[in-house]
Amino acid sequence: AGAPPSSQSVAPEPADPGTVAGTPATVAERVDAALMGMRSQVARQRTLALNLLTQLLTQERIHRTCDAAFEYLLSGEQQVTTLTCIRMALDDRNTTALTAALQLLHVLMAADDEL
């Protein structure tokens, strides 16, 4: 009866984090792409991914996307504190607190790279 269609199609690598397989990506898909970059051993890739994640976090409709981001970072008390601050900032729509928390996150990741 023929091969199933799924075995015939291979999704191309997305060239841009804003698209997935040539179609506009959802916010969650873009966060997934950013998280994959953040797990990279290459510091430049992690920085680019963190910048993308920062952009996504500062947009609207971001509560669901944060949960995925938190998974990567839940590995130390400082990071947990930072993530709690980010979540509270998001809940309050407090841009100043969100910016401060994201800056602290940048610092933590930079320290992580030096280990």
N, C-alpha and C. Protein backbone atom coordinates (compact mmCIF):
# COMPACT_ATOMS: atom_id res chain seq x y z
N ALA A 1 0.83 -1.21 0.00
CA ALA A 1 0.00 0.00 0.00
C ALA A 1 0.85 1.24 0.00
N GLY A 2 2.18 1.07 -0.19
CA GLY A 2 3.05 2.25 -0.30
C GLY A 2 3.62 2.62 1.04
N ALA A 3 4.71 3.40 1.00
CA ALA A 3 5.37 3.84 2.23
C ALA A 3 4.58 4.97 2.87
N PRO A 4 4.60 5.06 4.19
CA PRO A 4 3.92 6.19 4.83
C PRO A 4 4.60 7.50 4.45
N PRO A 5 3.83 8.59 4.30
CA PRO A 5 4.40 9.86 3.84
C PRO A 5 5.51 10.38 4.76
N SER A 6 5.43 10.05 6.04
CA SER A 6 6.41 10.61 6.98
C SER A 6 7.82 10.12 6.67
N SER A 7 7.97 8.94 6.07
CA SER A 7 9.30 8.41 5.80
C SER A 7 9.91 9.06 4.56
N GLN A 8 9.09 9.74 3.76
CA GLN A 8 9.59 10.33 2.52
C GLN A 8 10.03 11.78 2.70
N SER A 9 9.49 12.47 3.69
CA SER A 9 9.80 13.90 3.84
C SER A 9 10.83 14.10 4.94
N VAL A 10 11.84 14.89 4.64
CA VAL A 10 12.86 15.25 5.62
C VAL A 10 12.81 16.76 5.76
N ALA A 11 12.55 17.23 6.97
CA ALA A 11 12.44 18.68 7.18
C ALA A 11 13.81 19.32 7.03
N PRO A 12 13.91 20.40 6.24
CA PRO A 12 15.20 21.09 6.10
C PRO A 12 15.57 21.80 7.40
N GLU A 13 16.86 22.01 7.59
CA GLU A 13 17.31 22.76 8.77
C GLU A 13 16.84 24.20 8.64
N PRO A 14 16.19 24.75 9.66
CA PRO A 14 15.79 26.16 9.57
C PRO A 14 17.02 27.08 9.52
N ALA A 15 17.04 27.96 8.56
CA ALA A 15 18.19 28.86 8.42
C ALA A 15 18.12 30.01 9.42
N ASP A 16 16.92 30.33 9.83
CA ASP A 16 16.69 31.50 10.68
C ASP A 16 15.85 31.04 11.87
N PRO A 17 16.23 31.43 13.11
CA PRO A 17 15.46 30.98 14.27
C PRO A 17 13.99 31.41 14.23
N GLY A 18 13.66 32.38 13.38
CA GLY A 18 12.28 32.85 13.29
C GLY A 18 11.41 31.97 12.41
N THR A 19 12.01 30.98 11.74
CA THR A 19 11.23 30.09 10.89
C THR A 19 11.54 28.64 11.24
N VAL A 20 10.57 27.77 11.01
CA VAL A 20 10.78 26.34 11.20
C VAL A 20 10.33 25.67 9.90
N ALA A 21 11.26 24.98 9.25
CA ALA A 21 10.97 24.29 7.99
C ALA A 21 10.31 25.22 6.98
N GLY A 22 10.78 26.48 6.94
CA GLY A 22 10.31 27.42 5.93
C GLY A 22 9.02 28.13 6.29
N THR A 23 8.38 27.78 7.39
CA THR A 23 7.14 28.47 7.78
C THR A 23 7.43 29.30 9.03
N PRO A 24 6.69 30.38 9.25
CA PRO A 24 6.92 31.19 10.44
C PRO A 24 6.78 30.34 11.70
N ALA A 25 7.74 30.47 12.60
CA ALA A 25 7.75 29.66 13.81
C ALA A 25 6.84 30.28 14.87
N THR A 26 6.26 29.41 15.69
CA THR A 26 5.54 29.90 16.85
C THR A 26 6.57 30.38 17.87
N VAL A 27 6.11 31.14 18.85
CA VAL A 27 7.02 31.60 19.90
C VAL A 27 7.66 30.42 20.60
N ALA A 28 6.87 29.37 20.87
CA ALA A 28 7.41 28.20 21.57
C ALA A 28 8.50 27.52 20.74
N GLU A 29 8.29 27.43 19.43
CA GLU A 29 9.30 26.82 18.56
C GLU A 29 10.58 27.66 18.55
N ARG A 30 10.42 28.99 18.56
CA ARG A 30 11.59 29.86 18.56
C ARG A 30 12.35 29.73 19.88
N VAL A 31 11.61 29.57 20.99
CA VAL A 31 12.27 29.37 22.28
C VAL A 31 13.02 28.04 22.28
N ASP A 32 12.39 27.00 21.71
CA ASP A 32 13.08 25.70 21.62
C ASP A 32 14.39 25.84 20.86
N ALA A 33 14.36 26.59 19.75
CA ALA A 33 15.58 26.79 18.96
C ALA A 33 16.62 27.55 19.79
N ALA A 34 16.16 28.55 20.54
CA ALA A 34 17.08 29.32 21.37
C ALA A 34 17.68 28.44 22.46
N LEU A 35 16.87 27.58 23.06
CA LEU A 35 17.37 26.71 24.12
C LEU A 35 18.39 25.73 23.58
N MET A 36 18.18 25.23 22.39
CA MET A 36 19.16 24.33 21.78
C MET A 36 20.49 25.07 21.62
N GLY A 37 20.42 26.33 21.21
CA GLY A 37 21.63 27.13 21.08
C GLY A 37 22.29 27.38 22.42
N MET A 38 21.49 27.57 23.46
CA MET A 38 22.04 27.85 24.79
C MET A 38 22.76 26.63 25.35
N ARG A 39 22.36 25.44 24.91
CA ARG A 39 23.02 24.23 25.38
C ARG A 39 24.34 23.98 24.65
N SER A 40 24.57 24.76 23.60
CA SER A 40 25.79 24.58 22.80
C SER A 40 27.03 24.85 23.64
N GLN A 41 28.12 24.18 23.29
CA GLN A 41 29.40 24.42 23.96
C GLN A 41 30.08 25.66 23.41
N VAL A 42 29.57 26.19 22.31
CA VAL A 42 30.19 27.37 21.68
C VAL A 42 29.61 28.63 22.31
N ALA A 43 30.48 29.40 22.97
CA ALA A 43 30.00 30.57 23.71
C ALA A 43 29.25 31.55 22.81
N ARG A 44 29.71 31.76 21.58
CA ARG A 44 29.05 32.71 20.69
C ARG A 44 27.63 32.26 20.38
N GLN A 45 27.45 30.96 20.15
CA GLN A 45 26.10 30.44 19.88
C GLN A 45 25.20 30.63 21.09
N ARG A 46 25.75 30.41 22.27
CA ARG A 46 24.95 30.58 23.49
C ARG A 46 24.55 32.03 23.65
N THR A 47 25.46 32.94 23.33
CA THR A 47 25.14 34.37 23.45
C THR A 47 24.03 34.75 22.48
N LEU A 48 24.14 34.30 21.23
CA LEU A 48 23.10 34.59 20.24
C LEU A 48 21.75 34.02 20.70
N ALA A 49 21.79 32.80 21.22
CA ALA A 49 20.56 32.16 21.68
C ALA A 49 19.95 32.92 22.85
N LEU A 50 20.82 33.36 23.78
CA LEU A 50 20.31 34.12 24.93
C LEU A 50 19.70 35.43 24.48
N ASN A 51 20.32 36.07 23.48
CA ASN A 51 19.76 37.31 22.95
C ASN A 51 18.38 37.06 22.34
N LEU A 52 18.25 35.96 21.59
CA LEU A 52 16.95 35.62 21.00
C LEU A 52 15.93 35.35 22.11
N LEU A 53 16.36 34.61 23.12
CA LEU A 53 15.46 34.29 24.22
C LEU A 53 15.03 35.57 24.95
N THR A 54 15.97 36.49 25.11
CA THR A 54 15.66 37.77 25.76
C THR A 54 14.59 38.52 24.96
N GLN A 55 14.74 38.53 23.63
CA GLN A 55 13.75 39.19 22.78
C GLN A 55 12.38 38.54 22.97
N LEU A 56 12.35 37.21 22.97
CA LEU A 56 11.08 36.50 23.11
C LEU A 56 10.45 36.78 24.47
N LEU A 57 11.29 36.81 25.51
CA LEU A 57 10.77 37.04 26.86
C LEU A 57 10.18 38.43 27.02
N THR A 58 10.72 39.40 26.24
CA THR A 58 10.24 40.76 26.40
C THR A 58 9.04 41.05 25.50
N GLN A 59 8.64 40.08 24.69
CA GLN A 59 7.42 40.24 23.91
C GLN A 59 6.22 39.83 24.77
N GLU A 60 5.04 40.01 24.20
CA GLU A 60 3.83 39.57 24.90
C GLU A 60 3.63 38.08 24.69
N ARG A 61 2.64 37.49 25.38
CA ARG A 61 2.32 36.07 25.27
C ARG A 61 3.53 35.20 25.56
N ILE A 62 4.19 35.43 26.68
CA ILE A 62 5.45 34.76 26.95
C ILE A 62 5.41 33.79 28.10
N HIS A 63 4.32 33.68 28.82
CA HIS A 63 4.31 32.82 30.01
C HIS A 63 4.68 31.38 29.66
N ARG A 64 4.07 30.81 28.61
CA ARG A 64 4.35 29.41 28.27
C ARG A 64 5.79 29.23 27.84
N THR A 65 6.33 30.22 27.12
CA THR A 65 7.69 30.07 26.61
C THR A 65 8.70 30.04 27.74
N CYS A 66 8.41 30.68 28.85
CA CYS A 66 9.36 30.76 29.95
C CYS A 66 9.61 29.39 30.56
N ASP A 67 8.57 28.57 30.66
CA ASP A 67 8.75 27.27 31.30
C ASP A 67 9.84 26.46 30.60
N ALA A 68 9.87 26.51 29.27
CA ALA A 68 10.90 25.79 28.54
C ALA A 68 12.27 26.38 28.84
N ALA A 69 12.35 27.69 28.88
CA ALA A 69 13.63 28.35 29.15
C ALA A 69 14.14 27.98 30.54
N PHE A 70 13.24 27.86 31.49
CA PHE A 70 13.65 27.58 32.86
C PHE A 70 14.31 26.21 32.98
N GLU A 71 13.87 25.25 32.17
CA GLU A 71 14.43 23.89 32.27
C GLU A 71 15.94 23.90 32.10
N TYR A 72 16.42 24.69 31.15
CA TYR A 72 17.86 24.73 30.89
C TYR A 72 18.62 25.27 32.10
N LEU A 73 18.02 26.21 32.80
CA LEU A 73 18.77 26.98 33.78
C LEU A 73 18.62 26.49 35.21
N LEU A 74 17.75 25.50 35.45
CA LEU A 74 17.50 25.08 36.82
C LEU A 74 18.60 24.16 37.33
N SER A 75 19.79 24.72 37.55
CA SER A 75 20.88 23.86 37.99
C SER A 75 21.67 24.47 39.15
N GLY A 76 21.22 25.56 39.71
CA GLY A 76 21.93 26.15 40.84
C GLY A 76 21.01 27.12 41.55
N GLU A 77 21.29 27.37 42.83
CA GLU A 77 20.40 28.23 43.61
C GLU A 77 20.32 29.64 43.05
N GLN A 78 21.45 30.18 42.59
CA GLN A 78 21.41 31.54 42.03
C GLN A 78 20.52 31.58 40.81
N GLN A 79 20.63 30.54 39.97
CA GLN A 79 19.81 30.52 38.77
C GLN A 79 18.34 30.39 39.11
N VAL A 80 18.03 29.56 40.11
CA VAL A 80 16.63 29.40 40.51
C VAL A 80 16.08 30.75 40.99
N THR A 81 16.89 31.46 41.78
CA THR A 81 16.47 32.78 42.27
C THR A 81 16.23 33.72 41.10
N THR A 82 17.14 33.71 40.14
CA THR A 82 17.01 34.57 38.97
C THR A 82 15.73 34.24 38.21
N LEU A 83 15.47 32.96 38.03
CA LEU A 83 14.29 32.55 37.27
C LEU A 83 13.02 32.92 38.02
N THR A 84 13.05 32.82 39.35
CA THR A 84 11.90 33.25 40.13
C THR A 84 11.64 34.74 39.92
N CYS A 85 12.73 35.53 39.90
CA CYS A 85 12.60 36.97 39.65
C CYS A 85 12.00 37.23 38.28
N ILE A 86 12.48 36.47 37.28
CA ILE A 86 11.96 36.66 35.92
C ILE A 86 10.48 36.33 35.88
N ARG A 87 10.11 35.22 36.50
CA ARG A 87 8.70 34.81 36.49
C ARG A 87 7.83 35.87 37.17
N MET A 88 8.29 36.40 38.31
CA MET A 88 7.54 37.45 39.01
C MET A 88 7.45 38.70 38.14
N ALA A 89 8.55 39.04 37.48
CA ALA A 89 8.55 40.22 36.62
C ALA A 89 7.56 40.05 35.48
N LEU A 90 7.49 38.84 34.93
CA LEU A 90 6.55 38.58 33.86
C LEU A 90 5.12 38.68 34.37
N ASP A 91 4.87 38.11 35.54
CA ASP A 91 3.53 38.15 36.11
C ASP A 91 3.08 39.59 36.33
N ASP A 92 4.03 40.44 36.75
CA ASP A 92 3.69 41.84 37.04
C ASP A 92 3.79 42.72 35.81
N ARG A 93 4.27 42.17 34.70
CA ARG A 93 4.57 42.98 33.52
C ARG A 93 5.51 44.13 33.91
N ASN A 94 6.46 43.80 34.81
CA ASN A 94 7.39 44.80 35.34
C ASN A 94 8.64 44.80 34.48
N THR A 95 8.72 45.74 33.56
CA THR A 95 9.81 45.77 32.59
C THR A 95 11.15 45.99 33.28
N THR A 96 11.20 46.84 34.28
CA THR A 96 12.46 47.12 34.96
C THR A 96 12.98 45.87 35.65
N ALA A 97 12.10 45.17 36.36
CA ALA A 97 12.52 43.95 37.06
C ALA A 97 12.93 42.88 36.05
N LEU A 98 12.21 42.79 34.95
CA LEU A 98 12.53 41.80 33.93
C LEU A 98 13.92 42.08 33.34
N THR A 99 14.18 43.34 33.04
CA THR A 99 15.49 43.71 32.49
C THR A 99 16.60 43.37 33.47
N ALA A 100 16.40 43.69 34.75
CA ALA A 100 17.42 43.40 35.76
C ALA A 100 17.65 41.90 35.88
N ALA A 101 16.57 41.13 35.86
CA ALA A 101 16.69 39.67 35.98
C ALA A 101 17.42 39.08 34.78
N LEU A 102 17.11 39.60 33.59
CA LEU A 102 17.77 39.09 32.39
C LEU A 102 19.25 39.47 32.39
N GLN A 103 19.58 40.66 32.91
CA GLN A 103 20.99 41.04 33.00
C GLN A 103 21.73 40.10 33.95
N LEU A 104 21.09 39.77 35.07
CA LEU A 104 21.70 38.84 36.02
C LEU A 104 21.89 37.47 35.36
N LEU A 105 20.91 37.08 34.54
CA LEU A 105 21.00 35.81 33.82
C LEU A 105 22.21 35.81 32.88
N HIS A 106 22.43 36.94 32.18
CA HIS A 106 23.61 37.08 31.32
C HIS A 106 24.88 36.86 32.14
N VAL A 107 24.94 37.46 33.33
CA VAL A 107 26.12 37.35 34.19
C VAL A 107 26.33 35.89 34.61
N LEU A 108 25.25 35.23 35.01
CA LEU A 108 25.35 33.84 35.44
C LEU A 108 25.85 32.95 34.31
N MET A 109 25.34 33.19 33.11
CA MET A 109 25.76 32.36 31.98
C MET A 109 27.21 32.64 31.63
N ALA A 110 27.64 33.88 31.75
CA ALA A 110 29.05 34.21 31.48
C ALA A 110 29.94 33.50 32.49
N ALA A 111 29.53 33.49 33.75
CA ALA A 111 30.30 32.80 34.79
C ALA A 111 30.32 31.30 34.51
N ASP A 112 29.21 30.78 34.01
CA ASP A 112 29.11 29.36 33.67
C ASP A 112 30.11 29.00 32.58
N ASP A 113 30.30 29.91 31.61
CA ASP A 113 31.25 29.67 30.52
C ASP A 113 32.69 29.59 31.01
N GLU A 114 32.97 30.27 32.12
CA GLU A 114 34.34 30.30 32.62
C GLU A 114 34.71 29.06 33.41
N LEU A 115 33.73 28.26 33.81
CA LEU A 115 34.00 27.06 34.60
C LEU A 115 34.73 26.01 33.76
